């Protein structure tokens, strides 16, 4: 171990010495925030949602709420669903060109985070339902990127 550290110091010393001289530029400067508008201090390239729709529902067993939105190629919708216990029944679907296209679905979940990036422009839907035995509260947050936009809760 001692030999390794000695070898490392012999390799690093010349490199560090080269940085220590007067190289003609100022190393004493203020740090500038590359993205002063970032609300959470996240990375400068963090994408900010164009719109966010948040809703709380109280649903009886077997009852569903459905939200509609429009999105197309190049758009993205981040869907976040939550309940106190694993009783969320949900899906994302569309009716582009007739019929029903089920994109994804799940059941008996407590939290869901799904990023939907459609390949076709159309009206899309997220369904949120209660698969439990008792009436319960649910939260839904839909974040829209690109030209995607919220329609309404049905």
N, C-alpha and C. Protein backbone atom coordinates (compact mmCIF):
# COMPACT_ATOMS: atom_id res chain seq x y z
N UNK A 1 0.84 -1.19 0.00
CA UNK A 1 0.00 0.00 0.00
C UNK A 1 0.87 1.24 0.00
N UNK A 2 1.94 1.21 0.81
CA UNK A 2 2.85 2.35 0.90
C UNK A 2 3.50 2.61 -0.45
N UNK A 3 3.87 1.53 -1.16
CA UNK A 3 4.49 1.67 -2.47
C UNK A 3 3.51 2.30 -3.46
N UNK A 4 2.24 1.87 -3.40
CA UNK A 4 1.21 2.42 -4.27
C UNK A 4 1.05 3.92 -4.05
N UNK A 5 0.96 4.35 -2.79
CA UNK A 5 0.79 5.78 -2.49
C UNK A 5 2.00 6.58 -2.92
N UNK A 6 3.21 6.04 -2.73
CA UNK A 6 4.43 6.73 -3.15
C UNK A 6 4.42 6.88 -4.66
N UNK A 7 4.04 5.82 -5.40
CA UNK A 7 3.98 5.87 -6.86
C UNK A 7 2.95 6.89 -7.31
N UNK A 8 1.80 6.90 -6.66
CA UNK A 8 0.75 7.85 -7.00
C UNK A 8 1.22 9.27 -6.79
N UNK A 9 1.92 9.54 -5.69
CA UNK A 9 2.39 10.90 -5.42
C UNK A 9 3.45 11.33 -6.42
N UNK A 10 4.27 10.41 -6.88
CA UNK A 10 5.29 10.74 -7.87
C UNK A 10 4.66 11.06 -9.22
N UNK A 11 3.54 10.41 -9.55
CA UNK A 11 2.84 10.67 -10.80
C UNK A 11 2.06 11.97 -10.71
N UNK A 12 1.41 12.21 -9.60
CA UNK A 12 0.53 13.37 -9.45
C UNK A 12 1.29 14.66 -9.21
N UNK A 13 2.46 14.61 -8.58
CA UNK A 13 3.19 15.82 -8.21
C UNK A 13 3.50 16.70 -9.42
N UNK A 14 4.04 16.18 -10.53
CA UNK A 14 4.32 17.06 -11.67
C UNK A 14 3.05 17.69 -12.24
N UNK A 15 1.94 16.94 -12.28
CA UNK A 15 0.69 17.48 -12.81
C UNK A 15 0.18 18.60 -11.94
N UNK A 16 0.25 18.42 -10.63
CA UNK A 16 -0.21 19.47 -9.72
C UNK A 16 0.70 20.68 -9.78
N UNK A 17 1.99 20.47 -9.92
CA UNK A 17 2.93 21.58 -9.99
C UNK A 17 2.68 22.41 -11.24
N UNK A 18 2.32 21.75 -12.34
CA UNK A 18 2.04 22.47 -13.58
C UNK A 18 0.83 23.39 -13.43
N UNK A 19 -0.11 23.01 -12.59
CA UNK A 19 -1.31 23.82 -12.38
C UNK A 19 -1.06 24.96 -11.41
N UNK A 20 -0.03 24.87 -10.64
CA UNK A 20 0.18 25.85 -9.58
C UNK A 20 0.84 27.13 -10.03
N UNK A 21 1.41 27.17 -11.24
CA UNK A 21 2.13 28.36 -11.68
C UNK A 21 1.20 29.43 -12.19
N UNK A 22 1.80 30.56 -12.62
CA UNK A 22 1.03 31.67 -13.17
C UNK A 22 0.79 31.39 -14.63
N UNK A 23 -0.41 30.97 -14.98
CA UNK A 23 -0.70 30.61 -16.36
C UNK A 23 -1.41 31.73 -17.10
N UNK A 24 -1.48 32.90 -16.50
CA UNK A 24 -2.01 34.07 -17.16
C UNK A 24 -3.51 34.25 -17.06
N UNK A 25 -4.23 33.36 -16.39
CA UNK A 25 -5.66 33.63 -16.23
C UNK A 25 -6.02 33.56 -14.75
N UNK A 26 -7.10 34.22 -14.42
CA UNK A 26 -7.53 34.43 -13.04
C UNK A 26 -8.30 33.23 -12.51
N UNK A 27 -7.81 32.60 -11.42
CA UNK A 27 -8.50 31.50 -10.78
C UNK A 27 -9.41 31.98 -9.65
N UNK A 28 -9.38 33.26 -9.36
CA UNK A 28 -10.18 33.82 -8.28
C UNK A 28 -11.38 34.54 -8.89
N UNK A 29 -12.48 33.80 -9.10
CA UNK A 29 -13.66 34.40 -9.72
C UNK A 29 -14.92 33.94 -9.00
N UNK A 30 -16.00 34.66 -9.22
CA UNK A 30 -17.28 34.30 -8.64
C UNK A 30 -17.91 33.17 -9.43
N UNK A 31 -18.62 32.31 -8.74
CA UNK A 31 -19.37 31.24 -9.40
C UNK A 31 -20.68 31.84 -9.90
N UNK A 32 -20.98 31.59 -11.15
CA UNK A 32 -22.19 32.11 -11.76
C UNK A 32 -23.16 30.95 -11.96
N UNK A 33 -24.41 31.13 -11.55
CA UNK A 33 -25.43 30.12 -11.75
C UNK A 33 -25.78 30.08 -13.23
N UNK A 34 -25.51 28.93 -13.87
CA UNK A 34 -25.76 28.81 -15.31
C UNK A 34 -27.24 28.84 -15.65
N UNK A 35 -28.10 28.59 -14.68
CA UNK A 35 -29.54 28.59 -14.92
C UNK A 35 -30.22 29.23 -13.72
N UNK A 36 -30.12 30.57 -13.60
CA UNK A 36 -30.67 31.22 -12.40
C UNK A 36 -32.17 31.05 -12.24
N UNK A 37 -32.88 30.66 -13.32
CA UNK A 37 -34.32 30.49 -13.22
C UNK A 37 -34.75 29.11 -12.77
N UNK A 38 -33.80 28.19 -12.57
CA UNK A 38 -34.17 26.84 -12.15
C UNK A 38 -34.83 26.90 -10.78
N UNK A 39 -36.11 26.51 -10.66
CA UNK A 39 -36.84 26.67 -9.41
C UNK A 39 -36.31 25.80 -8.27
N UNK A 40 -35.73 24.65 -8.58
CA UNK A 40 -35.29 23.77 -7.52
C UNK A 40 -33.78 23.65 -7.44
N UNK A 41 -33.05 24.50 -8.18
CA UNK A 41 -31.60 24.43 -8.18
C UNK A 41 -31.10 23.18 -8.87
N UNK A 42 -31.95 22.55 -9.68
CA UNK A 42 -31.59 21.33 -10.39
C UNK A 42 -30.57 21.62 -11.47
N UNK A 43 -30.25 20.63 -12.26
CA UNK A 43 -29.25 20.83 -13.31
C UNK A 43 -29.72 21.88 -14.31
N UNK A 44 -28.78 22.60 -14.92
CA UNK A 44 -29.16 23.68 -15.83
C UNK A 44 -30.00 23.21 -17.01
N UNK A 45 -29.87 21.94 -17.41
CA UNK A 45 -30.61 21.46 -18.56
C UNK A 45 -31.91 20.75 -18.18
N UNK A 46 -32.33 20.87 -16.91
CA UNK A 46 -33.56 20.22 -16.46
C UNK A 46 -34.75 20.84 -17.20
N UNK A 47 -35.56 19.98 -17.78
CA UNK A 47 -36.73 20.44 -18.51
C UNK A 47 -37.84 20.80 -17.54
N UNK A 48 -38.49 21.91 -17.79
CA UNK A 48 -39.59 22.36 -16.95
C UNK A 48 -40.90 22.08 -17.68
N UNK A 49 -41.86 21.52 -16.97
CA UNK A 49 -43.16 21.21 -17.56
C UNK A 49 -43.84 22.49 -18.03
N UNK A 50 -44.48 22.41 -19.19
CA UNK A 50 -45.23 23.55 -19.72
C UNK A 50 -46.49 23.79 -18.90
N UNK A 51 -47.06 22.71 -18.35
CA UNK A 51 -48.26 22.81 -17.51
C UNK A 51 -48.33 21.58 -16.61
N UNK A 52 -48.97 21.75 -15.47
CA UNK A 52 -49.15 20.65 -14.52
C UNK A 52 -50.60 20.68 -14.04
N UNK A 53 -51.24 19.52 -14.09
CA UNK A 53 -52.62 19.37 -13.62
C UNK A 53 -52.59 18.45 -12.41
N UNK A 54 -53.07 18.93 -11.27
CA UNK A 54 -53.10 18.13 -10.05
C UNK A 54 -54.54 18.05 -9.56
N UNK A 55 -54.94 16.84 -9.17
CA UNK A 55 -56.32 16.63 -8.74
C UNK A 55 -56.34 15.60 -7.61
N UNK A 56 -57.27 15.77 -6.67
CA UNK A 56 -57.52 14.78 -5.62
C UNK A 56 -58.94 14.26 -5.80
N UNK A 57 -59.08 12.94 -5.72
CA UNK A 57 -60.38 12.30 -5.90
C UNK A 57 -60.71 11.47 -4.68
N UNK A 58 -61.99 11.39 -4.34
CA UNK A 58 -62.49 10.43 -3.37
C UNK A 58 -63.39 9.50 -4.17
N UNK A 59 -62.94 8.23 -4.25
CA UNK A 59 -63.65 7.27 -5.10
C UNK A 59 -64.16 6.08 -4.30
N UNK A 60 -65.39 5.70 -4.56
CA UNK A 60 -65.97 4.49 -3.96
C UNK A 60 -65.38 3.27 -4.66
N UNK A 61 -65.48 2.11 -4.08
CA UNK A 61 -64.95 0.90 -4.71
C UNK A 61 -65.54 0.70 -6.12
N UNK A 62 -64.67 0.39 -7.07
CA UNK A 62 -65.10 0.15 -8.45
C UNK A 62 -65.37 1.39 -9.27
N UNK A 63 -65.20 2.58 -8.69
CA UNK A 63 -65.47 3.83 -9.41
C UNK A 63 -64.17 4.36 -10.01
N UNK A 64 -64.27 4.92 -11.24
CA UNK A 64 -63.12 5.45 -11.96
C UNK A 64 -63.30 6.93 -12.27
N UNK A 65 -62.17 7.64 -12.35
CA UNK A 65 -62.12 9.00 -12.88
C UNK A 65 -61.25 8.92 -14.13
N UNK A 66 -61.55 9.75 -15.12
CA UNK A 66 -60.80 9.71 -16.36
C UNK A 66 -60.41 11.12 -16.76
N UNK A 67 -59.12 11.33 -17.04
CA UNK A 67 -58.63 12.61 -17.49
C UNK A 67 -58.24 12.53 -18.95
N UNK A 68 -58.56 13.55 -19.72
CA UNK A 68 -58.22 13.56 -21.14
C UNK A 68 -57.11 14.57 -21.40
N UNK A 69 -56.29 14.28 -22.39
CA UNK A 69 -55.24 15.21 -22.78
C UNK A 69 -54.90 14.98 -24.24
N UNK A 70 -54.32 16.00 -24.87
CA UNK A 70 -53.90 15.92 -26.26
C UNK A 70 -52.38 15.92 -26.29
N UNK A 71 -51.81 15.00 -27.07
CA UNK A 71 -50.35 14.92 -27.19
C UNK A 71 -50.01 14.22 -28.49
N UNK A 72 -48.81 14.48 -28.98
CA UNK A 72 -48.36 13.85 -30.21
C UNK A 72 -46.87 13.54 -30.17
N UNK A 73 -46.35 13.14 -31.30
CA UNK A 73 -44.93 12.80 -31.41
C UNK A 73 -44.08 13.99 -30.94
N UNK A 74 -43.11 13.71 -30.11
CA UNK A 74 -42.25 14.76 -29.56
C UNK A 74 -42.74 15.32 -28.24
N UNK A 75 -43.96 14.99 -27.86
CA UNK A 75 -44.52 15.43 -26.58
C UNK A 75 -44.28 14.35 -25.53
N UNK A 76 -44.49 14.75 -24.28
CA UNK A 76 -44.35 13.81 -23.17
C UNK A 76 -45.29 14.22 -22.06
N UNK A 77 -45.90 13.22 -21.42
CA UNK A 77 -46.78 13.47 -20.28
C UNK A 77 -46.31 12.53 -19.16
N UNK A 78 -45.98 13.11 -18.01
CA UNK A 78 -45.57 12.32 -16.85
C UNK A 78 -46.79 12.20 -15.95
N UNK A 79 -47.20 10.96 -15.71
CA UNK A 79 -48.40 10.67 -14.94
C UNK A 79 -47.97 10.10 -13.59
N UNK A 80 -48.43 10.74 -12.50
CA UNK A 80 -48.13 10.27 -11.16
C UNK A 80 -49.44 10.09 -10.41
N UNK A 81 -49.66 8.89 -9.90
CA UNK A 81 -50.89 8.56 -9.18
C UNK A 81 -50.51 8.05 -7.79
N UNK A 82 -51.37 8.31 -6.81
CA UNK A 82 -51.07 7.86 -5.46
C UNK A 82 -52.32 7.59 -4.64
N UNK A 83 -52.17 6.66 -3.68
CA UNK A 83 -53.22 6.32 -2.72
C UNK A 83 -52.53 5.87 -1.44
N UNK A 84 -53.25 5.84 -0.34
CA UNK A 84 -52.67 5.46 0.95
C UNK A 84 -52.33 3.97 1.02
N UNK A 85 -53.03 3.16 0.24
CA UNK A 85 -52.79 1.71 0.21
C UNK A 85 -52.78 1.24 -1.24
N UNK A 86 -52.33 0.04 -1.53
CA UNK A 86 -52.24 -0.43 -2.93
C UNK A 86 -53.60 -0.81 -3.52
N UNK A 87 -54.38 0.22 -3.90
CA UNK A 87 -55.72 -0.02 -4.45
C UNK A 87 -55.95 0.73 -5.76
N UNK A 88 -54.87 1.19 -6.39
CA UNK A 88 -55.02 1.96 -7.64
C UNK A 88 -55.16 0.99 -8.82
N UNK A 89 -56.25 1.12 -9.55
CA UNK A 89 -56.42 0.49 -10.85
C UNK A 89 -56.29 1.62 -11.86
N UNK A 90 -55.49 1.43 -12.90
CA UNK A 90 -55.25 2.55 -13.82
C UNK A 90 -54.88 2.06 -15.21
N UNK A 91 -55.03 2.97 -16.18
CA UNK A 91 -54.51 2.72 -17.52
C UNK A 91 -54.34 4.02 -18.26
N UNK A 92 -53.58 3.95 -19.34
CA UNK A 92 -53.46 5.03 -20.30
C UNK A 92 -53.92 4.43 -21.62
N UNK A 93 -54.86 5.11 -22.29
CA UNK A 93 -55.38 4.58 -23.54
C UNK A 93 -55.76 5.71 -24.48
N UNK A 94 -56.00 5.35 -25.72
CA UNK A 94 -56.43 6.32 -26.72
C UNK A 94 -57.44 5.69 -27.66
N UNK A 95 -57.97 6.54 -28.53
CA UNK A 95 -58.94 6.08 -29.54
C UNK A 95 -58.52 6.65 -30.90
N UNK A 96 -57.22 6.64 -31.17
CA UNK A 96 -56.69 7.20 -32.41
C UNK A 96 -57.09 6.31 -33.59
N UNK A 97 -57.76 6.88 -34.57
CA UNK A 97 -58.16 6.13 -35.76
C UNK A 97 -59.25 5.11 -35.51
N UNK A 98 -59.98 5.23 -34.43
CA UNK A 98 -61.04 4.28 -34.10
C UNK A 98 -60.50 3.17 -33.21
N UNK A 99 -61.37 2.45 -32.57
CA UNK A 99 -60.95 1.40 -31.66
C UNK A 99 -60.34 1.99 -30.39
N UNK A 100 -59.78 1.12 -29.59
CA UNK A 100 -59.14 1.56 -28.35
C UNK A 100 -57.73 1.00 -28.32
N UNK A 101 -56.75 1.87 -28.07
CA UNK A 101 -55.36 1.45 -27.92
C UNK A 101 -54.98 1.58 -26.45
N UNK A 102 -54.85 0.46 -25.76
CA UNK A 102 -54.41 0.49 -24.37
C UNK A 102 -52.89 0.51 -24.37
N UNK A 103 -52.33 1.56 -23.84
CA UNK A 103 -50.88 1.75 -23.81
C UNK A 103 -50.26 0.97 -22.66
N UNK A 104 -50.83 1.12 -21.48
CA UNK A 104 -50.34 0.44 -20.28
C UNK A 104 -51.47 0.41 -19.27
N UNK A 105 -51.44 -0.59 -18.39
CA UNK A 105 -52.44 -0.65 -17.33
C UNK A 105 -51.84 -1.37 -16.13
N UNK A 106 -52.44 -1.11 -14.98
CA UNK A 106 -51.99 -1.73 -13.74
C UNK A 106 -53.15 -1.83 -12.76
N UNK A 107 -52.93 -2.62 -11.71
CA UNK A 107 -53.98 -2.81 -10.71
C UNK A 107 -53.34 -3.06 -9.35
N UNK A 108 -54.04 -2.68 -8.31
CA UNK A 108 -53.58 -2.87 -6.93
C UNK A 108 -52.20 -2.26 -6.68
N UNK A 109 -52.03 -1.02 -7.12
CA UNK A 109 -50.78 -0.31 -6.90
C UNK A 109 -51.01 0.85 -5.93
N UNK A 110 -49.98 1.20 -5.20
CA UNK A 110 -50.09 2.31 -4.26
C UNK A 110 -49.62 3.62 -4.89
N UNK A 111 -48.54 3.55 -5.67
CA UNK A 111 -48.06 4.72 -6.40
C UNK A 111 -47.73 4.29 -7.82
N UNK A 112 -47.90 5.22 -8.74
CA UNK A 112 -47.59 4.99 -10.14
C UNK A 112 -46.87 6.22 -10.66
N UNK A 113 -45.78 6.01 -11.39
CA UNK A 113 -45.14 7.07 -12.17
C UNK A 113 -44.90 6.49 -13.55
N UNK A 114 -45.50 7.12 -14.55
CA UNK A 114 -45.38 6.62 -15.92
C UNK A 114 -45.16 7.80 -16.85
N UNK A 115 -44.15 7.69 -17.73
CA UNK A 115 -43.89 8.71 -18.74
C UNK A 115 -44.44 8.24 -20.07
N UNK A 116 -45.39 8.98 -20.60
CA UNK A 116 -46.04 8.63 -21.86
C UNK A 116 -45.53 9.55 -22.95
N UNK A 117 -44.97 8.96 -24.00
CA UNK A 117 -44.49 9.69 -25.18
C UNK A 117 -45.17 9.10 -26.41
N UNK A 118 -46.28 9.68 -26.83
CA UNK A 118 -47.02 9.10 -27.95
C UNK A 118 -46.26 9.21 -29.27
N UNK A 119 -46.58 8.32 -30.19
CA UNK A 119 -45.99 8.37 -31.53
C UNK A 119 -46.95 9.01 -32.52
N UNK A 120 -48.22 9.15 -32.12
CA UNK A 120 -49.24 9.77 -32.96
C UNK A 120 -49.95 10.87 -32.19
N UNK A 121 -50.37 11.89 -32.91
CA UNK A 121 -51.14 12.96 -32.27
C UNK A 121 -52.58 12.50 -32.09
N UNK A 122 -53.10 12.77 -30.91
CA UNK A 122 -54.48 12.41 -30.65
C UNK A 122 -54.90 12.79 -29.25
N UNK A 123 -56.14 12.46 -28.96
CA UNK A 123 -56.66 12.63 -27.61
C UNK A 123 -56.38 11.34 -26.87
N UNK A 124 -55.77 11.44 -25.70
CA UNK A 124 -55.37 10.30 -24.89
C UNK A 124 -56.05 10.42 -23.54
N UNK A 125 -56.12 9.32 -22.82
CA UNK A 125 -56.86 9.30 -21.56
C UNK A 125 -56.09 8.53 -20.50
N UNK A 126 -56.17 9.02 -19.27
CA UNK A 126 -55.64 8.28 -18.12
C UNK A 126 -56.84 7.98 -17.23
N UNK A 127 -57.01 6.70 -16.89
CA UNK A 127 -58.09 6.28 -16.00
C UNK A 127 -57.49 5.89 -14.66
N UNK A 128 -58.15 6.32 -13.61
CA UNK A 128 -57.73 6.06 -12.24
C UNK A 128 -58.93 5.53 -11.49
N UNK A 129 -58.81 4.33 -10.91
CA UNK A 129 -59.95 3.74 -10.23
C UNK A 129 -59.60 3.11 -8.91
N UNK A 130 -60.63 2.84 -8.14
CA UNK A 130 -60.50 2.25 -6.81
C UNK A 130 -60.75 0.74 -6.91
N UNK A 131 -59.67 -0.05 -6.72
CA UNK A 131 -59.83 -1.50 -6.74
C UNK A 131 -59.94 -2.07 -5.33
N UNK A 132 -60.09 -1.19 -4.35
CA UNK A 132 -60.20 -1.63 -2.95
C UNK A 132 -61.64 -1.89 -2.54
N UNK A 133 -61.82 -2.22 -1.26
CA UNK A 133 -63.15 -2.55 -0.72
C UNK A 133 -63.82 -1.35 -0.06
N UNK A 134 -63.05 -0.24 0.16
CA UNK A 134 -63.59 0.93 0.85
C UNK A 134 -63.37 2.19 0.03
N UNK A 135 -64.19 3.20 0.29
CA UNK A 135 -64.00 4.50 -0.34
C UNK A 135 -62.66 5.05 0.11
N UNK A 136 -61.92 5.67 -0.83
CA UNK A 136 -60.57 6.15 -0.52
C UNK A 136 -60.23 7.40 -1.32
N UNK A 137 -59.19 8.11 -0.88
CA UNK A 137 -58.69 9.30 -1.56
C UNK A 137 -57.54 8.91 -2.48
N UNK A 138 -57.50 9.58 -3.64
CA UNK A 138 -56.47 9.34 -4.65
C UNK A 138 -55.94 10.69 -5.12
N UNK A 139 -54.67 10.72 -5.51
CA UNK A 139 -54.09 11.93 -6.10
C UNK A 139 -53.62 11.61 -7.51
N UNK A 140 -53.71 12.59 -8.38
CA UNK A 140 -53.24 12.47 -9.75
C UNK A 140 -52.52 13.76 -10.12
N UNK A 141 -51.31 13.63 -10.63
CA UNK A 141 -50.56 14.78 -11.14
C UNK A 141 -50.10 14.44 -12.54
N UNK A 142 -50.46 15.28 -13.50
CA UNK A 142 -50.06 15.10 -14.89
C UNK A 142 -49.21 16.30 -15.28
N UNK A 143 -47.97 16.04 -15.69
CA UNK A 143 -47.05 17.10 -16.10
C UNK A 143 -46.88 17.02 -17.61
N UNK A 144 -47.06 18.16 -18.30
CA UNK A 144 -47.10 18.20 -19.76
C UNK A 144 -45.85 18.88 -20.33
N UNK A 145 -45.23 18.23 -21.30
CA UNK A 145 -44.02 18.73 -21.95
C UNK A 145 -44.27 18.83 -23.45
N UNK A 146 -43.58 19.76 -24.10
CA UNK A 146 -43.80 19.98 -25.52
C UNK A 146 -45.13 20.67 -25.72
N UNK A 147 -45.88 20.20 -26.70
CA UNK A 147 -47.19 20.79 -26.99
C UNK A 147 -48.34 20.02 -26.34
N UNK A 148 -48.03 19.04 -25.50
CA UNK A 148 -49.09 18.28 -24.83
C UNK A 148 -49.90 19.21 -23.93
N UNK A 149 -51.21 18.96 -23.86
CA UNK A 149 -52.07 19.83 -23.03
C UNK A 149 -53.21 19.03 -22.41
N UNK A 150 -53.61 19.46 -21.24
CA UNK A 150 -54.69 18.81 -20.51
C UNK A 150 -56.03 19.20 -21.12
N UNK A 151 -56.97 18.25 -21.09
CA UNK A 151 -58.35 18.51 -21.54
C UNK A 151 -59.24 18.74 -20.35
N UNK A 152 -59.71 17.63 -19.75
CA UNK A 152 -60.60 17.74 -18.59
C UNK A 152 -60.69 16.41 -17.86
N UNK A 153 -61.19 16.46 -16.64
CA UNK A 153 -61.51 15.23 -15.91
C UNK A 153 -62.94 14.88 -16.24
N UNK A 154 -63.18 13.65 -16.61
CA UNK A 154 -64.52 13.18 -17.01
C UNK A 154 -65.16 12.41 -15.88
